[in-house]
Amino acid sequence: MDAHGVEFGGERKHQQNSRLLRIEILRGEVQSGLQLLDRRAVAGDIFFLDPPYRLTSEYRTSMEILGASTLVKNESIVVAEHEKKFDPGERAGGLVRFRIVKQGDTALSFYRKA
């Protein structure tokens, strides 16, 4: 999600195992979008956070909302893309980091429920 409205929603069949894969990309204020999905009782497998790097507080806010919601299941993964020099933290809102990958000026932090 980012700060610009809804982009698209759709469904697509995975070619190899023919299971239905539902993908929805929301564009808008992250807090509003996460609360909307939580009200819909949506649960996801993978969440990718990529706020503008200068908005460092958005990482913690997003992870706190995700960790306290029913969106993230025990087996879900939350991935936060961030600048390598910025650390979003080992723990946030019921999520704990289990891996970090750094490449160039960018890093990916991987979280799951604590």
C-alpha atoms as a PDB file:
ATOM      1  CA  MET A   1       0.000   0.000   0.000  1.00  0.00           C
ATOM      2  CA  ASP A   2       1.118   3.495  -0.585  1.00  0.00           C
ATOM      3  CA  ALA A   3      -0.456   6.920  -0.480  1.00  0.00           C
ATOM      4  CA  HIS A   4      -2.321   7.025  -3.809  1.00  0.00           C
ATOM      5  CA  GLY A   5      -5.632   5.072  -3.818  1.00  0.00           C
ATOM      6  CA  VAL A   6      -6.612   1.548  -4.932  1.00  0.00           C
ATOM      7  CA  GLU A   7      -4.565   0.164  -7.812  1.00  0.00           C
ATOM      8  CA  PHE A   8      -6.189  -3.186  -8.620  1.00  0.00           C
ATOM      9  CA  GLY A   9      -7.512  -6.370  -7.171  1.00  0.00           C
ATOM     10  CA  GLY A  10      -7.686  -9.681  -8.937  1.00  0.00           C
ATOM     11  CA  GLU A  11      -7.567 -13.414  -8.899  1.00  0.00           C
ATOM     12  CA  ARG A  12      -5.169 -15.599 -10.809  1.00  0.00           C
ATOM     13  CA  LYS A  13      -4.710 -19.360 -11.024  1.00  0.00           C
ATOM     14  CA  HIS A  14      -1.262 -20.620 -10.195  1.00  0.00           C
ATOM     15  CA  GLN A  15      -0.043 -22.582 -13.228  1.00  0.00           C
ATOM     16  CA  GLN A  16       1.670 -25.488 -11.456  1.00  0.00           C
ATOM     17  CA  ASN A  17      -0.857 -26.596  -8.867  1.00  0.00           C
ATOM     18  CA  SER A  18      -4.038 -24.885 -10.144  1.00  0.00           C
ATOM     19  CA  ARG A  19      -4.858 -23.470  -6.737  1.00  0.00           C
ATOM     20  CA  LEU A  20      -6.545 -20.106  -6.739  1.00  0.00           C
ATOM     21  CA  LEU A  21      -4.203 -17.292  -5.782  1.00  0.00           C
ATOM     22  CA  ARG A  22      -5.945 -14.103  -4.736  1.00  0.00           C
ATOM     23  CA  ILE A  23      -3.956 -10.925  -5.032  1.00  0.00           C
ATOM     24  CA  GLU A  24      -5.126  -7.515  -3.924  1.00  0.00           C
ATOM     25  CA  ILE A  25      -2.933  -4.449  -4.044  1.00  0.00           C
ATOM     26  CA  LEU A  26      -4.225  -1.447  -2.160  1.00  0.00           C
ATOM     27  CA  ARG A  27      -2.906   2.037  -2.657  1.00  0.00           C
ATOM     28  CA  GLY A  28      -3.680   4.515   0.062  1.00  0.00           C
ATOM     29  CA  GLU A  29      -2.871   5.395   3.643  1.00  0.00           C
ATOM     30  CA  VAL A  30      -1.348   2.238   5.114  1.00  0.00           C
ATOM     31  CA  GLN A  31      -3.135   2.462   8.473  1.00  0.00           C
ATOM     32  CA  SER A  32      -6.539   2.793   6.780  1.00  0.00           C
ATOM     33  CA  GLY A  33      -5.819  -0.062   4.388  1.00  0.00           C
ATOM     34  CA  LEU A  34      -4.667  -2.458   7.090  1.00  0.00           C
ATOM     35  CA  GLN A  35      -7.673  -1.630   9.254  1.00  0.00           C
ATOM     36  CA  LEU A  36      -9.966  -2.184   6.243  1.00  0.00           C
ATOM     37  CA  LEU A  37      -8.450  -5.602   5.580  1.00  0.00           C
ATOM     38  CA  ASP A  38      -8.679  -6.508   9.260  1.00  0.00           C
ATOM     39  CA  ARG A  39     -12.391  -5.594   9.282  1.00  0.00           C
ATOM     40  CA  ARG A  40     -12.861  -7.827   6.208  1.00  0.00           C
ATOM     41  CA  ALA A  41     -11.286 -10.686   8.222  1.00  0.00           C
ATOM     42  CA  VAL A  42      -8.626 -11.136   5.565  1.00  0.00           C
ATOM     43  CA  ALA A  43      -5.538 -13.144   6.500  1.00  0.00           C
ATOM     44  CA  GLY A  44      -2.434 -13.143   4.339  1.00  0.00           C
ATOM     45  CA  ASP A  45       0.615 -15.278   3.801  1.00  0.00           C
ATOM     46  CA  ILE A  46       3.056 -12.559   2.759  1.00  0.00           C
ATOM     47  CA  PHE A  47       2.980  -8.830   3.499  1.00  0.00           C
ATOM     48  CA  PHE A  48       5.479  -6.536   1.770  1.00  0.00           C
ATOM     49  CA  LEU A  49       6.101  -3.121   3.325  1.00  0.00           C
ATOM     50  CA  ASP A  50       7.873  -0.509   1.233  1.00  0.00           C
ATOM     51  CA  PRO A  51       7.072   2.947   2.620  1.00  0.00           C
ATOM     52  CA  PRO A  52       9.104   5.906   1.378  1.00  0.00           C
ATOM     53  CA  TYR A  53      12.475   5.574   3.125  1.00  0.00           C
ATOM     54  CA  ARG A  54      12.225   9.028   4.718  1.00  0.00           C
ATOM     55  CA  LEU A  55       9.030   7.966   6.606  1.00  0.00           C
ATOM     56  CA  THR A  56      10.813   5.745   9.103  1.00  0.00           C
ATOM     57  CA  SER A  57       7.934   5.859  11.611  1.00  0.00           C
ATOM     58  CA  GLU A  58       5.684   4.108   9.057  1.00  0.00           C
ATOM     59  CA  TYR A  59       7.644   0.871   9.485  1.00  0.00           C
ATOM     60  CA  ARG A  60       6.906   0.572  13.199  1.00  0.00           C
ATOM     61  CA  THR A  61       3.300   1.764  12.811  1.00  0.00           C
ATOM     62  CA  SER A  62       2.615  -0.749  10.031  1.00  0.00           C
ATOM     63  CA  MET A  63       4.232  -3.635  11.896  1.00  0.00           C
ATOM     64  CA  GLU A  64       2.403  -2.788  15.130  1.00  0.00           C
ATOM     65  CA  ILE A  65      -0.938  -2.806  13.288  1.00  0.00           C
ATOM     66  CA  LEU A  66      -0.092  -6.075  11.524  1.00  0.00           C
ATOM     67  CA  GLY A  67       1.159  -7.765  14.702  1.00  0.00           C
ATOM     68  CA  ALA A  68      -1.986  -6.828  16.639  1.00  0.00           C
ATOM     69  CA  SER A  69      -4.412  -7.778  13.861  1.00  0.00           C
ATOM     70  CA  THR A  70      -5.825 -11.059  12.583  1.00  0.00           C
ATOM     71  CA  LEU A  71      -4.226 -10.345   9.191  1.00  0.00           C
ATOM     72  CA  VAL A  72      -0.959 -12.087  10.094  1.00  0.00           C
ATOM     73  CA  LYS A  73      -1.207 -15.813  10.783  1.00  0.00           C
ATOM     74  CA  ASN A  74       1.440 -17.792  12.665  1.00  0.00           C
ATOM     75  CA  GLU A  75       2.908 -18.966   9.345  1.00  0.00           C
ATOM     76  CA  SER A  76       2.725 -15.535   7.632  1.00  0.00           C
ATOM     77  CA  ILE A  77       5.814 -13.529   6.702  1.00  0.00           C
ATOM     78  CA  VAL A  78       6.108  -9.742   6.807  1.00  0.00           C
ATOM     79  CA  VAL A  79       8.898  -8.321   4.620  1.00  0.00           C
ATOM     80  CA  ALA A  80      10.021  -4.717   5.107  1.00  0.00           C
ATOM     81  CA  GLU A  81      12.219  -3.108   2.462  1.00  0.00           C
ATOM     82  CA  HIS A  82      14.327  -0.295   3.911  1.00  0.00           C
ATOM     83  CA  GLU A  83      17.600   1.552   3.619  1.00  0.00           C
ATOM     84  CA  LYS A  84      20.542  -0.508   4.792  1.00  0.00           C
ATOM     85  CA  LYS A  85      21.554   2.226   7.251  1.00  0.00           C
ATOM     86  CA  PHE A  86      18.066   2.207   8.877  1.00  0.00           C
ATOM     87  CA  ASP A  87      17.077  -0.606  11.236  1.00  0.00           C
ATOM     88  CA  PRO A  88      13.309  -1.012  11.706  1.00  0.00           C
ATOM     89  CA  GLY A  89      14.027  -3.126  14.803  1.00  0.00           C
ATOM     90  CA  GLU A  90      14.263  -6.726  15.947  1.00  0.00           C
ATOM     91  CA  ARG A  91      10.705  -6.634  17.350  1.00  0.00           C
ATOM     92  CA  ALA A  92       7.627  -4.570  16.616  1.00  0.00           C
ATOM     93  CA  GLY A  93       3.985  -5.077  17.544  1.00  0.00           C
ATOM     94  CA  GLY A  94       4.095  -8.812  18.159  1.00  0.00           C
ATOM     95  CA  LEU A  95       6.423  -9.456  15.210  1.00  0.00           C
ATOM     96  CA  VAL A  96      10.012 -10.622  15.507  1.00  0.00           C
ATOM     97  CA  ARG A  97      12.705 -10.389  12.834  1.00  0.00           C
ATOM     98  CA  PHE A  98      14.178 -13.732  11.804  1.00  0.00           C
ATOM     99  CA  ARG A  99      16.298 -12.661   8.828  1.00  0.00           C
ATOM    100  CA  ILE A 100      17.844  -9.595   7.214  1.00  0.00           C
ATOM    101  CA  VAL A 101      19.307  -9.449   3.703  1.00  0.00           C
ATOM    102  CA  LYS A 102      21.428  -6.472   2.623  1.00  0.00           C
ATOM    103  CA  GLN A 103      22.292  -5.569  -0.970  1.00  0.00           C
ATOM    104  CA  GLY A 104      23.766  -2.258  -2.019  1.00  0.00           C
ATOM    105  CA  ASP A 105      21.984   0.547  -0.135  1.00  0.00           C
ATOM    106  CA  THR A 106      18.843  -1.550   0.463  1.00  0.00           C
ATOM    107  CA  ALA A 107      17.903  -4.207   2.993  1.00  0.00           C
ATOM    108  CA  LEU A 108      14.995  -6.595   3.468  1.00  0.00           C
ATOM    109  CA  SER A 109      13.945  -7.483   7.007  1.00  0.00           C
ATOM    110  CA  PHE A 110      11.790 -10.624   7.410  1.00  0.00           C
ATOM    111  CA  TYR A 111       9.380 -10.905  10.339  1.00  0.00           C
ATOM    112  CA  ARG A 112       6.916 -13.421  11.723  1.00  0.00           C
ATOM    113  CA  LYS A 113       4.645 -13.556  14.758  1.00  0.00           C
ATOM    114  CA  ALA A 114       6.558 -13.826  18.004  1.00  0.00           C
END
